[in-house]
């Protein structure tokens, strides 16, 4: 799971140059916290899949980018909107904590469901 956060750091640093909000201003098209949590969780899962299957970033970078674009479209957002929202939330520690707590809670519930099905 630690390697999942590599992708998030990669997204943050690779896209910070495109942030036109100055980082602290709330973007007009801000993705709501609950939706942001779902998108980030999905991105973490996609990145984890590629990490497990291909090992190192150079081996799966292109596939990950294509999958991320597809994931953004499925959630009705675009990459720039995601970047602006993520960069904003990075400056709002309380809101970012809420987002990551929500992701963790969702993953724990999903794990419990899978675990209970395995142990039947």
PDB file of N, CA and C in Angstrom:
ATOM      1  N   UNK A   1       0.820  -1.192   0.000  1.00  0.00           N
ATOM      2  CA  UNK A   1       0.000   0.000   0.000  1.00  0.00           C
ATOM      3  C   UNK A   1       0.862   1.253   0.000  1.00  0.00           C
ATOM      4  N   UNK A   2       2.059   1.197   0.577  1.00  0.00           N
ATOM      5  CA  UNK A   2       2.924   2.375   0.613  1.00  0.00           C
ATOM      6  C   UNK A   2       3.276   2.861  -0.776  1.00  0.00           C
ATOM      7  N   UNK A   3       3.383   1.933  -1.721  1.00  0.00           N
ATOM      8  CA  UNK A   3       3.751   2.324  -3.073  1.00  0.00           C
ATOM      9  C   UNK A   3       2.611   3.029  -3.783  1.00  0.00           C
ATOM     10  N   UNK A   4       1.387   2.853  -3.280  1.00  0.00           N
ATOM     11  CA  UNK A   4       0.240   3.568  -3.849  1.00  0.00           C
ATOM     12  C   UNK A   4       0.436   5.071  -3.716  1.00  0.00           C
ATOM     13  N   UNK A   5       1.001   5.466  -2.611  1.00  0.00           N
ATOM     14  CA  UNK A   5       1.182   6.885  -2.371  1.00  0.00           C
ATOM     15  C   UNK A   5       2.242   7.483  -3.284  1.00  0.00           C
ATOM     16  N   UNK A   6       3.114   6.626  -3.854  1.00  0.00           N
ATOM     17  CA  UNK A   6       4.090   7.116  -4.822  1.00  0.00           C
ATOM     18  C   UNK A   6       3.368   7.762  -5.998  1.00  0.00           C
ATOM     19  N   UNK A   7       2.292   7.122  -6.452  1.00  0.00           N
ATOM     20  CA  UNK A   7       1.537   7.673  -7.570  1.00  0.00           C
ATOM     21  C   UNK A   7       0.962   9.036  -7.212  1.00  0.00           C
ATOM     22  N   UNK A   8       0.408   9.149  -6.014  1.00  0.00           N
ATOM     23  CA  UNK A   8      -0.175  10.421  -5.602  1.00  0.00           C
ATOM     24  C   UNK A   8       0.878  11.515  -5.534  1.00  0.00           C
ATOM     25  N   UNK A   9       2.049  11.170  -5.027  1.00  0.00           N
ATOM     26  CA  UNK A   9       3.142  12.139  -4.991  1.00  0.00           C
ATOM     27  C   UNK A   9       3.559  12.490  -6.410  1.00  0.00           C
ATOM     28  N   UNK A  10       3.621  11.482  -7.275  1.00  0.00           N
ATOM     29  CA  UNK A  10       3.969  11.698  -8.678  1.00  0.00           C
ATOM     30  C   UNK A  10       2.980  12.664  -9.328  1.00  0.00           C
ATOM     31  N   UNK A  11       1.694  12.440  -9.105  1.00  0.00           N
ATOM     32  CA  UNK A  11       0.654  13.309  -9.666  1.00  0.00           C
ATOM     33  C   UNK A  11       0.809  14.730  -9.136  1.00  0.00           C
ATOM     34  N   UNK A  12       1.020  14.829  -7.838  1.00  0.00           N
ATOM     35  CA  UNK A  12       1.147  16.145  -7.212  1.00  0.00           C
ATOM     36  C   UNK A  12       2.294  16.943  -7.813  1.00  0.00           C
ATOM     37  N   UNK A  13       3.476  16.340  -7.873  1.00  0.00           N
ATOM     38  CA  UNK A  13       4.631  17.077  -8.358  1.00  0.00           C
ATOM     39  C   UNK A  13       4.621  17.271  -9.872  1.00  0.00           C
ATOM     40  N   UNK A  14       4.095  16.299 -10.606  1.00  0.00           N
ATOM     41  CA  UNK A  14       4.101  16.444 -12.057  1.00  0.00           C
ATOM     42  C   UNK A  14       3.079  17.461 -12.532  1.00  0.00           C
ATOM     43  N   UNK A  15       2.068  17.690 -11.731  1.00  0.00           N
ATOM     44  CA  UNK A  15       0.993  18.571 -12.168  1.00  0.00           C
ATOM     45  C   UNK A  15       0.977  19.906 -11.441  1.00  0.00           C
ATOM     46  N   UNK A  16       1.832  20.102 -10.484  1.00  0.00           N
ATOM     47  CA  UNK A  16       1.771  21.334  -9.713  1.00  0.00           C
ATOM     48  C   UNK A  16       2.068  22.555 -10.563  1.00  0.00           C
ATOM     49  N   UNK A  17       2.807  22.383 -11.638  1.00  0.00           N
ATOM     50  CA  UNK A  17       3.098  23.510 -12.515  1.00  0.00           C
ATOM     51  C   UNK A  17       1.850  23.987 -13.249  1.00  0.00           C
ATOM     52  N   UNK A  18       0.839  23.112 -13.387  1.00  0.00           N
ATOM     53  CA  UNK A  18      -0.384  23.491 -14.091  1.00  0.00           C
ATOM     54  C   UNK A  18      -1.416  24.103 -13.158  1.00  0.00           C
ATOM     55  N   UNK A  19      -1.095  24.175 -11.888  1.00  0.00           N
ATOM     56  CA  UNK A  19      -2.047  24.720 -10.929  1.00  0.00           C
ATOM     57  C   UNK A  19      -2.154  26.221 -11.118  1.00  0.00           C
ATOM     58  N   UNK A  20      -3.332  26.692 -11.519  1.00  0.00           N
ATOM     59  CA  UNK A  20      -3.515  28.122 -11.757  1.00  0.00           C
ATOM     60  C   UNK A  20      -4.293  28.786 -10.633  1.00  0.00           C
ATOM     61  N   UNK A  21      -4.414  28.105  -9.495  1.00  0.00           N
ATOM     62  CA  UNK A  21      -5.167  28.679  -8.389  1.00  0.00           C
ATOM     63  C   UNK A  21      -4.261  29.310  -7.351  1.00  0.00           C
ATOM     64  N   UNK A  22      -2.957  29.147  -7.491  1.00  0.00           N
ATOM     65  CA  UNK A  22      -2.047  29.659  -6.489  1.00  0.00           C
ATOM     66  C   UNK A  22      -1.931  28.731  -5.301  1.00  0.00           C
ATOM     67  N   UNK A  23      -2.633  27.607  -5.322  1.00  0.00           N
ATOM     68  CA  UNK A  23      -2.516  26.603  -4.289  1.00  0.00           C
ATOM     69  C   UNK A  23      -3.455  26.798  -3.113  1.00  0.00           C
ATOM     70  N   UNK A  24      -3.697  28.031  -2.689  1.00  0.00           N
ATOM     71  CA  UNK A  24      -4.521  28.263  -1.507  1.00  0.00           C
ATOM     72  C   UNK A  24      -5.950  28.658  -1.845  1.00  0.00           C
ATOM     73  N   UNK A  25      -6.177  29.159  -3.022  1.00  0.00           N
ATOM     74  CA  UNK A  25      -7.525  29.572  -3.413  1.00  0.00           C
ATOM     75  C   UNK A  25      -8.367  28.355  -3.759  1.00  0.00           C
ATOM     76  N   UNK A  26      -9.615  28.402  -3.341  1.00  0.00           N
ATOM     77  CA  UNK A  26     -10.533  27.316  -3.637  1.00  0.00           C
ATOM     78  C   UNK A  26     -10.910  27.379  -5.120  1.00  0.00           C
ATOM     79  N   UNK A  27     -10.617  26.319  -5.876  1.00  0.00           N
ATOM     80  CA  UNK A  27     -10.971  26.329  -7.308  1.00  0.00           C
ATOM     81  C   UNK A  27     -12.478  26.383  -7.496  1.00  0.00           C
ATOM     82  N   UNK A  28     -12.895  27.030  -8.565  1.00  0.00           N
ATOM     83  CA  UNK A  28     -14.325  27.122  -8.867  1.00  0.00           C
ATOM     84  C   UNK A  28     -14.917  25.747  -9.149  1.00  0.00           C
ATOM     85  N   UNK A  29     -14.100  24.861  -9.725  1.00  0.00           N
ATOM     86  CA  UNK A  29     -14.571  23.521 -10.082  1.00  0.00           C
ATOM     87  C   UNK A  29     -14.067  22.464  -9.094  1.00  0.00           C
ATOM     88  N   UNK A  30     -13.941  22.844  -7.817  1.00  0.00           N
ATOM     89  CA  UNK A  30     -13.425  21.948  -6.786  1.00  0.00           C
ATOM     90  C   UNK A  30     -14.264  20.672  -6.714  1.00  0.00           C
ATOM     91  N   UNK A  31     -13.586  19.550  -6.709  1.00  0.00           N
ATOM     92  CA  UNK A  31     -14.254  18.263  -6.548  1.00  0.00           C
ATOM     93  C   UNK A  31     -14.610  18.129  -5.068  1.00  0.00           C
ATOM     94  N   UNK A  32     -15.867  17.833  -4.747  1.00  0.00           N
ATOM     95  CA  UNK A  32     -16.259  17.685  -3.332  1.00  0.00           C
ATOM     96  C   UNK A  32     -15.434  16.598  -2.634  1.00  0.00           C
ATOM     97  N   UNK A  33     -15.250  16.759  -1.337  1.00  0.00           N
ATOM     98  CA  UNK A  33     -14.399  15.846  -0.554  1.00  0.00           C
ATOM     99  C   UNK A  33     -14.803  14.383  -0.722  1.00  0.00           C
ATOM    100  N   UNK A  34     -16.089  14.087  -0.641  1.00  0.00           N
ATOM    101  CA  UNK A  34     -16.533  12.689  -0.737  1.00  0.00           C
ATOM    102  C   UNK A  34     -16.195  12.085  -2.098  1.00  0.00           C
ATOM    103  N   UNK A  35     -16.410  12.854  -3.148  1.00  0.00           N
ATOM    104  CA  UNK A  35     -16.092  12.374  -4.491  1.00  0.00           C
ATOM    105  C   UNK A  35     -14.585  12.268  -4.671  1.00  0.00           C
ATOM    106  N   UNK A  36     -13.842  13.211  -4.113  1.00  0.00           N
ATOM    107  CA  UNK A  36     -12.383  13.182  -4.190  1.00  0.00           C
ATOM    108  C   UNK A  36     -11.850  11.924  -3.512  1.00  0.00           C
ATOM    109  N   UNK A  37     -12.446  11.543  -2.400  1.00  0.00           N
ATOM    110  CA  UNK A  37     -12.022  10.331  -1.698  1.00  0.00           C
ATOM    111  C   UNK A  37     -12.226   9.096  -2.569  1.00  0.00           C
ATOM    112  N   UNK A  38     -13.340   9.029  -3.258  1.00  0.00           N
ATOM    113  CA  UNK A  38     -13.617   7.881  -4.132  1.00  0.00           C
ATOM    114  C   UNK A  38     -12.618   7.848  -5.286  1.00  0.00           C
ATOM    115  N   UNK A  39     -12.367   9.001  -5.891  1.00  0.00           N
ATOM    116  CA  UNK A  39     -11.432   9.060  -7.013  1.00  0.00           C
ATOM    117  C   UNK A  39     -10.027   8.666  -6.558  1.00  0.00           C
ATOM    118  N   UNK A  40      -9.574   9.214  -5.441  1.00  0.00           N
ATOM    119  CA  UNK A  40      -8.235   8.877  -4.943  1.00  0.00           C
ATOM    120  C   UNK A  40      -8.121   7.393  -4.594  1.00  0.00           C
ATOM    121  N   UNK A  41      -9.152   6.834  -3.983  1.00  0.00           N
ATOM    122  CA  UNK A  41      -9.137   5.402  -3.670  1.00  0.00           C
ATOM    123  C   UNK A  41      -9.018   4.587  -4.947  1.00  0.00           C
ATOM    124  N   UNK A  42      -9.795   4.947  -5.954  1.00  0.00           N
ATOM    125  CA  UNK A  42      -9.732   4.229  -7.224  1.00  0.00           C
ATOM    126  C   UNK A  42      -8.348   4.363  -7.869  1.00  0.00           C
ATOM    127  N   UNK A  43      -7.767   5.561  -7.804  1.00  0.00           N
ATOM    128  CA  UNK A  43      -6.422   5.753  -8.342  1.00  0.00           C
ATOM    129  C   UNK A  43      -5.401   4.898  -7.604  1.00  0.00           C
ATOM    130  N   UNK A  44      -5.534   4.817  -6.285  1.00  0.00           N
ATOM    131  CA  UNK A  44      -4.623   3.984  -5.490  1.00  0.00           C
ATOM    132  C   UNK A  44      -4.738   2.519  -5.889  1.00  0.00           C
ATOM    133  N   UNK A  45      -5.959   2.056  -6.090  1.00  0.00           N
ATOM    134  CA  UNK A  45      -6.159   0.662  -6.475  1.00  0.00           C
ATOM    135  C   UNK A  45      -5.603   0.375  -7.863  1.00  0.00           C
ATOM    136  N   UNK A  46      -5.812   1.294  -8.797  1.00  0.00           N
ATOM    137  CA  UNK A  46      -5.275   1.121 -10.146  1.00  0.00           C
ATOM    138  C   UNK A  46      -3.747   1.099 -10.101  1.00  0.00           C
ATOM    139  N   UNK A  47      -3.164   2.041  -9.355  1.00  0.00           N
ATOM    140  CA  UNK A  47      -1.708   2.102  -9.264  1.00  0.00           C
ATOM    141  C   UNK A  47      -1.164   0.845  -8.586  1.00  0.00           C
ATOM    142  N   UNK A  48      -1.863   0.341  -7.581  1.00  0.00           N
ATOM    143  CA  UNK A  48      -1.434  -0.887  -6.912  1.00  0.00           C
ATOM    144  C   UNK A  48      -1.447  -2.067  -7.866  1.00  0.00           C
ATOM    145  N   UNK A  49      -2.477  -2.137  -8.680  1.00  0.00           N
ATOM    146  CA  UNK A  49      -2.561  -3.210  -9.680  1.00  0.00           C
ATOM    147  C   UNK A  49      -1.358  -3.175 -10.615  1.00  0.00           C
ATOM    148  N   UNK A  50      -1.053  -2.000 -11.144  1.00  0.00           N
ATOM    149  CA  UNK A  50       0.087  -1.879 -12.051  1.00  0.00           C
ATOM    150  C   UNK A  50       1.398  -2.182 -11.335  1.00  0.00           C
ATOM    151  N   UNK A  51       1.530  -1.735 -10.100  1.00  0.00           N
ATOM    152  CA  UNK A  51       2.753  -1.980  -9.324  1.00  0.00           C
ATOM    153  C   UNK A  51       2.970  -3.476  -9.127  1.00  0.00           C
ATOM    154  N   UNK A  52       1.908  -4.184  -8.761  1.00  0.00           N
ATOM    155  CA  UNK A  52       2.017  -5.632  -8.542  1.00  0.00           C
ATOM    156  C   UNK A  52       2.324  -6.359  -9.854  1.00  0.00           C
ATOM    157  N   UNK A  53       1.653  -5.943 -10.920  1.00  0.00           N
ATOM    158  CA  UNK A  53       1.799  -6.652 -12.194  1.00  0.00           C
ATOM    159  C   UNK A  53       3.125  -6.360 -12.893  1.00  0.00           C
ATOM    160  N   UNK A  54       3.600  -5.108 -12.853  1.00  0.00           N
ATOM    161  CA  UNK A  54       4.771  -4.729 -13.645  1.00  0.00           C
ATOM    162  C   UNK A  54       5.996  -4.334 -12.829  1.00  0.00           C
ATOM    163  N   UNK A  55       5.853  -4.113 -11.544  1.00  0.00           N
ATOM    164  CA  UNK A  55       7.008  -3.857 -10.693  1.00  0.00           C
ATOM    165  C   UNK A  55       7.473  -2.427 -10.602  1.00  0.00           C
ATOM    166  N   UNK A  56       8.056  -1.902 -11.643  1.00  0.00           N
ATOM    167  CA  UNK A  56       8.622  -0.555 -11.548  1.00  0.00           C
ATOM    168  C   UNK A  56       7.893   0.425 -12.458  1.00  0.00           C
ATOM    169  N   UNK A  57       7.892   1.678 -12.045  1.00  0.00           N
ATOM    170  CA  UNK A  57       7.145   2.738 -12.735  1.00  0.00           C
ATOM    171  C   UNK A  57       7.431   2.810 -14.241  1.00  0.00           C
ATOM    172  N   UNK A  58       8.673   2.737 -14.692  1.00  0.00           N
ATOM    173  CA  UNK A  58       8.898   2.825 -16.143  1.00  0.00           C
ATOM    174  C   UNK A  58       8.167   1.741 -16.932  1.00  0.00           C
ATOM    175  N   UNK A  59       7.923   0.605 -16.305  1.00  0.00           N
ATOM    176  CA  UNK A  59       7.247  -0.499 -16.996  1.00  0.00           C
ATOM    177  C   UNK A  59       5.746  -0.297 -17.133  1.00  0.00           C
ATOM    178  N   UNK A  60       5.164   0.572 -16.324  1.00  0.00           N
ATOM    179  CA  UNK A  60       3.714   0.726 -16.389  1.00  0.00           C
ATOM    180  C   UNK A  60       3.234   2.173 -16.451  1.00  0.00           C
ATOM    181  N   UNK A  61       4.130   3.103 -16.569  1.00  0.00           N
ATOM    182  CA  UNK A  61       3.751   4.522 -16.536  1.00  0.00           C
ATOM    183  C   UNK A  61       2.687   4.861 -17.583  1.00  0.00           C
ATOM    184  N   UNK A  62       2.902   4.430 -18.809  1.00  0.00           N
ATOM    185  CA  UNK A  62       1.966   4.759 -19.892  1.00  0.00           C
ATOM    186  C   UNK A  62       0.586   4.152 -19.637  1.00  0.00           C
ATOM    187  N   UNK A  63       0.552   2.893 -19.235  1.00  0.00           N
ATOM    188  CA  UNK A  63      -0.723   2.233 -18.921  1.00  0.00           C
ATOM    189  C   UNK A  63      -1.446   2.897 -17.768  1.00  0.00           C
ATOM    190  N   UNK A  64      -0.683   3.338 -16.791  1.00  0.00           N
ATOM    191  CA  UNK A  64      -1.267   4.015 -15.640  1.00  0.00           C
ATOM    192  C   UNK A  64      -1.887   5.346 -16.043  1.00  0.00           C
ATOM    193  N   UNK A  65      -1.218   6.074 -16.919  1.00  0.00           N
ATOM    194  CA  UNK A  65      -1.750   7.354 -17.385  1.00  0.00           C
ATOM    195  C   UNK A  65      -3.049   7.166 -18.166  1.00  0.00           C
ATOM    196  N   UNK A  66      -3.083   6.155 -19.025  1.00  0.00           N
ATOM    197  CA  UNK A  66      -4.292   5.869 -19.799  1.00  0.00           C
ATOM    198  C   UNK A  66      -5.427   5.452 -18.855  1.00  0.00           C
ATOM    199  N   UNK A  67      -5.106   4.594 -17.899  1.00  0.00           N
ATOM    200  CA  UNK A  67      -6.118   4.147 -16.938  1.00  0.00           C
ATOM    201  C   UNK A  67      -6.626   5.307 -16.087  1.00  0.00           C
ATOM    202  N   UNK A  68      -5.722   6.211 -15.719  1.00  0.00           N
ATOM    203  CA  UNK A  68      -6.124   7.370 -14.920  1.00  0.00           C
ATOM    204  C   UNK A  68      -7.073   8.262 -15.706  1.00  0.00           C
ATOM    205  N   UNK A  69      -6.766   8.503 -16.968  1.00  0.00           N
ATOM    206  CA  UNK A  69      -7.656   9.308 -17.806  1.00  0.00           C
ATOM    207  C   UNK A  69      -9.041   8.671 -17.898  1.00  0.00           C
ATOM    208  N   UNK A  70      -9.075   7.365 -18.078  1.00  0.00           N
ATOM    209  CA  UNK A  70     -10.339   6.642 -18.153  1.00  0.00           C
ATOM    210  C   UNK A  70     -11.092   6.737 -16.832  1.00  0.00           C
ATOM    211  N   UNK A  71     -10.367   6.635 -15.723  1.00  0.00           N
ATOM    212  CA  UNK A  71     -10.976   6.728 -14.404  1.00  0.00           C
ATOM    213  C   UNK A  71     -11.571   8.120 -14.177  1.00  0.00           C
ATOM    214  N   UNK A  72     -10.829   9.162 -14.569  1.00  0.00           N
ATOM    215  CA  UNK A  72     -11.346  10.525 -14.434  1.00  0.00           C
ATOM    216  C   UNK A  72     -12.646  10.684 -15.217  1.00  0.00           C
ATOM    217  N   UNK A  73     -12.656  10.188 -16.446  1.00  0.00           N
ATOM    218  CA  UNK A  73     -13.861  10.291 -17.274  1.00  0.00           C
ATOM    219  C   UNK A  73     -15.034   9.571 -16.624  1.00  0.00           C
ATOM    220  N   UNK A  74     -14.773   8.392 -16.042  1.00  0.00           N
ATOM    221  CA  UNK A  74     -15.865   7.636 -15.425  1.00  0.00           C
ATOM    222  C   UNK A  74     -16.452   8.372 -14.218  1.00  0.00           C
ATOM    223  N   UNK A  75     -15.662   9.251 -13.601  1.00  0.00           N
ATOM    224  CA  UNK A  75     -16.139  10.042 -12.464  1.00  0.00           C
ATOM    225  C   UNK A  75     -16.614  11.437 -12.888  1.00  0.00           C
ATOM    226  N   UNK A  76     -16.563  11.724 -14.179  1.00  0.00           N
ATOM    227  CA  UNK A  76     -17.060  13.005 -14.676  1.00  0.00           C
ATOM    228  C   UNK A  76     -16.160  14.186 -14.369  1.00  0.00           C
ATOM    229  N   UNK A  77     -14.849  13.943 -14.242  1.00  0.00           N
ATOM    230  CA  UNK A  77     -13.883  15.015 -14.007  1.00  0.00           C
ATOM    231  C   UNK A  77     -12.784  14.901 -15.058  1.00  0.00           C
ATOM    232  N   UNK A  78     -11.962  15.932 -15.151  1.00  0.00           N
ATOM    233  CA  UNK A  78     -10.803  15.846 -16.041  1.00  0.00           C
ATOM    234  C   UNK A  78      -9.533  15.996 -15.205  1.00  0.00           C
ATOM    235  N   UNK A  79      -8.410  15.743 -15.838  1.00  0.00           N
ATOM    236  CA  UNK A  79      -7.136  15.747 -15.117  1.00  0.00           C
ATOM    237  C   UNK A  79      -6.827  17.102 -14.491  1.00  0.00           C
ATOM    238  N   UNK A  80      -7.091  18.179 -15.219  1.00  0.00           N
ATOM    239  CA  UNK A  80      -6.794  19.506 -14.676  1.00  0.00           C
ATOM    240  C   UNK A  80      -7.679  19.824 -13.469  1.00  0.00           C
ATOM    241  N   UNK A  81      -8.942  19.447 -13.549  1.00  0.00           N
ATOM    242  CA  UNK A  81      -9.844  19.658 -12.413  1.00  0.00           C
ATOM    243  C   UNK A  81      -9.360  18.853 -11.210  1.00  0.00           C
ATOM    244  N   UNK A  82      -8.963  17.611 -11.451  1.00  0.00           N
ATOM    245  CA  UNK A  82      -8.437  16.782 -10.371  1.00  0.00           C
ATOM    246  C   UNK A  82      -7.183  17.421  -9.771  1.00  0.00           C
ATOM    247  N   UNK A  83      -6.279  17.868 -10.627  1.00  0.00           N
ATOM    248  CA  UNK A  83      -5.028  18.477 -10.157  1.00  0.00           C
ATOM    249  C   UNK A  83      -5.299  19.718  -9.310  1.00  0.00           C
ATOM    250  N   UNK A  84      -6.195  20.581  -9.788  1.00  0.00           N
ATOM    251  CA  UNK A  84      -6.520  21.788  -9.026  1.00  0.00           C
ATOM    252  C   UNK A  84      -7.127  21.427  -7.669  1.00  0.00           C
ATOM    253  N   UNK A  85      -8.031  20.465  -7.686  1.00  0.00           N
ATOM    254  CA  UNK A  85      -8.682  20.044  -6.442  1.00  0.00           C
ATOM    255  C   UNK A  85      -7.673  19.396  -5.496  1.00  0.00           C
ATOM    256  N   UNK A  86      -6.829  18.536  -6.019  1.00  0.00           N
ATOM    257  CA  UNK A  86      -5.836  17.861  -5.176  1.00  0.00           C
ATOM    258  C   UNK A  86      -4.856  18.870  -4.585  1.00  0.00           C
ATOM    259  N   UNK A  87      -4.393  19.783  -5.401  1.00  0.00           N
ATOM    260  CA  UNK A  87      -3.460  20.800  -4.909  1.00  0.00           C
ATOM    261  C   UNK A  87      -4.118  21.677  -3.839  1.00  0.00           C
ATOM    262  N   UNK A  88      -5.386  21.991  -4.005  1.00  0.00           N
ATOM    263  CA  UNK A  88      -6.106  22.765  -2.989  1.00  0.00           C
ATOM    264  C   UNK A  88      -6.195  21.967  -1.690  1.00  0.00           C
ATOM    265  N   UNK A  89      -6.640  20.710  -1.790  1.00  0.00           N
ATOM    266  CA  UNK A  89      -6.784  19.902  -0.586  1.00  0.00           C
ATOM    267  C   UNK A  89      -5.442  19.683   0.111  1.00  0.00           C
ATOM    268  N   UNK A  90      -4.344  19.696  -0.631  1.00  0.00           N
ATOM    269  CA  UNK A  90      -3.019  19.558  -0.024  1.00  0.00           C
ATOM    270  C   UNK A  90      -2.717  20.735   0.901  1.00  0.00           C
ATOM    271  N   UNK A  91      -3.363  21.868   0.679  1.00  0.00           N
ATOM    272  CA  UNK A  91      -3.144  23.039   1.544  1.00  0.00           C
ATOM    273  C   UNK A  91      -4.143  23.102   2.688  1.00  0.00           C
ATOM    274  N   UNK A  92      -5.089  22.187   2.708  1.00  0.00           N
ATOM    275  CA  UNK A  92      -6.151  22.160   3.717  1.00  0.00           C
ATOM    276  C   UNK A  92      -6.015  20.866   4.527  1.00  0.00           C
ATOM    277  N   UNK A  93      -5.175  20.878   5.538  1.00  0.00           N
ATOM    278  CA  UNK A  93      -4.833  19.638   6.242  1.00  0.00           C
ATOM    279  C   UNK A  93      -6.052  18.945   6.851  1.00  0.00           C
ATOM    280  N   UNK A  94      -6.989  19.684   7.380  1.00  0.00           N
ATOM    281  CA  UNK A  94      -8.176  19.068   7.968  1.00  0.00           C
ATOM    282  C   UNK A  94      -9.019  18.351   6.938  1.00  0.00           C
ATOM    283  N   UNK A  95      -9.207  18.994   5.807  1.00  0.00           N
ATOM    284  CA  UNK A  95     -10.007  18.384   4.742  1.00  0.00           C
ATOM    285  C   UNK A  95      -9.274  17.195   4.131  1.00  0.00           C
ATOM    286  N   UNK A  96      -7.959  17.319   3.972  1.00  0.00           N
ATOM    287  CA  UNK A  96      -7.171  16.216   3.423  1.00  0.00           C
ATOM    288  C   UNK A  96      -7.200  15.022   4.379  1.00  0.00           C
ATOM    289  N   UNK A  97      -7.121  15.294   5.671  1.00  0.00           N
ATOM    290  CA  UNK A  97      -7.211  14.222   6.667  1.00  0.00           C
ATOM    291  C   UNK A  97      -8.561  13.518   6.559  1.00  0.00           C
ATOM    292  N   UNK A  98      -9.626  14.281   6.401  1.00  0.00           N
ATOM    293  CA  UNK A  98     -10.963  13.705   6.243  1.00  0.00           C
ATOM    294  C   UNK A  98     -11.013  12.796   5.007  1.00  0.00           C
ATOM    295  N   UNK A  99     -10.445  13.259   3.902  1.00  0.00           N
ATOM    296  CA  UNK A  99     -10.446  12.482   2.652  1.00  0.00           C
ATOM    297  C   UNK A  99      -9.714  11.162   2.847  1.00  0.00           C
ATOM    298  N   UNK A 100      -8.519  11.209   3.419  1.00  0.00           N
ATOM    299  CA  UNK A 100      -7.747   9.982   3.604  1.00  0.00           C
ATOM    300  C   UNK A 100      -8.381   9.060   4.644  1.00  0.00           C
ATOM    301  N   UNK A 101      -9.020   9.612   5.655  1.00  0.00           N
ATOM    302  CA  UNK A 101      -9.726   8.783   6.626  1.00  0.00           C
ATOM    303  C   UNK A 101     -10.892   8.072   5.947  1.00  0.00           C
ATOM    304  N   UNK A 102     -11.586   8.785   5.090  1.00  0.00           N
ATOM    305  CA  UNK A 102     -12.703   8.188   4.364  1.00  0.00           C
ATOM    306  C   UNK A 102     -12.203   7.053   3.453  1.00  0.00           C
ATOM    307  N   UNK A 103     -11.073   7.252   2.792  1.00  0.00           N
ATOM    308  CA  UNK A 103     -10.491   6.209   1.942  1.00  0.00           C
ATOM    309  C   UNK A 103     -10.160   4.984   2.788  1.00  0.00           C
ATOM    310  N   UNK A 104      -9.491   5.206   3.903  1.00  0.00           N
ATOM    311  CA  UNK A 104      -9.111   4.102   4.776  1.00  0.00           C
ATOM    312  C   UNK A 104     -10.334   3.361   5.300  1.00  0.00           C
ATOM    313  N   UNK A 105     -11.350   4.094   5.713  1.00  0.00           N
ATOM    314  CA  UNK A 105     -12.577   3.460   6.202  1.00  0.00           C
ATOM    315  C   UNK A 105     -13.220   2.600   5.109  1.00  0.00           C
ATOM    316  N   UNK A 106     -13.281   3.115   3.904  1.00  0.00           N
ATOM    317  CA  UNK A 106     -13.872   2.372   2.787  1.00  0.00           C
ATOM    318  C   UNK A 106     -13.069   1.113   2.488  1.00  0.00           C
ATOM    319  N   UNK A 107     -11.743   1.237   2.471  1.00  0.00           N
ATOM    320  CA  UNK A 107     -10.905   0.065   2.213  1.00  0.00           C
ATOM    321  C   UNK A 107     -11.054  -0.977   3.323  1.00  0.00           C
ATOM    322  N   UNK A 108     -11.185  -0.537   4.561  1.00  0.00           N
ATOM    323  CA  UNK A 108     -11.376  -1.474   5.668  1.00  0.00           C
ATOM    324  C   UNK A 108     -12.706  -2.214   5.551  1.00  0.00           C
ATOM    325  N   UNK A 109     -13.756  -1.512   5.165  1.00  0.00           N
ATOM    326  CA  UNK A 109     -15.063  -2.152   4.969  1.00  0.00           C
ATOM    327  C   UNK A 109     -14.974  -3.162   3.826  1.00  0.00           C
ATOM    328  N   UNK A 110     -14.354  -2.765   2.718  1.00  0.00           N
ATOM    329  CA  UNK A 110     -14.192  -3.677   1.581  1.00  0.00           C
ATOM    330  C   UNK A 110     -13.400  -4.916   1.982  1.00  0.00           C
ATOM    331  N   UNK A 111     -12.338  -4.716   2.754  1.00  0.00           N
ATOM    332  CA  UNK A 111     -11.513  -5.836   3.214  1.00  0.00           C
ATOM    333  C   UNK A 111     -12.333  -6.780   4.088  1.00  0.00           C
ATOM    334  N   UNK A 112     -13.113  -6.224   4.988  1.00  0.00           N
ATOM    335  CA  UNK A 112     -13.929  -7.045   5.870  1.00  0.00           C
ATOM    336  C   UNK A 112     -14.934  -7.878   5.073  1.00  0.00           C
ATOM    337  N   UNK A 113     -15.523  -7.283   4.043  1.00  0.00           N
ATOM    338  CA  UNK A 113     -16.477  -8.020   3.197  1.00  0.00           C
ATOM    339  C   UNK A 113     -15.795  -9.178   2.499  1.00  0.00           C
ATOM    340  N   UNK A 114     -14.640  -8.909   1.908  1.00  0.00           N
ATOM    341  CA  UNK A 114     -13.909  -9.959   1.184  1.00  0.00           C
ATOM    342  C   UNK A 114     -13.468 -11.043   2.162  1.00  0.00           C
ATOM    343  N   UNK A 115     -12.951 -10.642   3.298  1.00  0.00           N
ATOM    344  CA  UNK A 115     -12.467 -11.577   4.293  1.00  0.00           C
ATOM    345  C   UNK A 115     -13.599 -12.463   4.803  1.00  0.00           C
ATOM    346  N   UNK A 116     -14.778 -11.899   5.000  1.00  0.00           N
ATOM    347  CA  UNK A 116     -15.904 -12.705   5.489  1.00  0.00           C
ATOM    348  C   UNK A 116     -16.367 -13.697   4.420  1.00  0.00           C
ATOM    349  N   UNK A 117     -16.272 -13.331   3.154  1.00  0.00           N
ATOM    350  CA  UNK A 117     -16.652 -14.246   2.083  1.00  0.00           C
ATOM    351  C   UNK A 117     -15.648 -15.390   1.965  1.00  0.00           C
ATOM    352  N   UNK A 118     -14.390 -15.105   2.191  1.00  0.00           N
ATOM    353  CA  UNK A 118     -13.347 -16.143   2.113  1.00  0.00           C
ATOM    354  C   UNK A 118     -13.509 -17.143   3.248  1.00  0.00           C
ATOM    355  N   UNK A 119     -13.885 -16.655   4.410  1.00  0.00           N
ATOM    356  CA  UNK A 119     -13.973 -17.508   5.606  1.00  0.00           C
ATOM    357  C   UNK A 119     -15.304 -18.250   5.744  1.00  0.00           C
ATOM    358  N   UNK A 120     -16.160 -18.154   4.746  1.00  0.00           N
ATOM    359  CA  UNK A 120     -17.462 -18.859   4.818  1.00  0.00           C
ATOM    360  C   UNK A 120     -17.278 -20.334   4.592  1.00  0.00           C
TER     361      UNK A 120
END
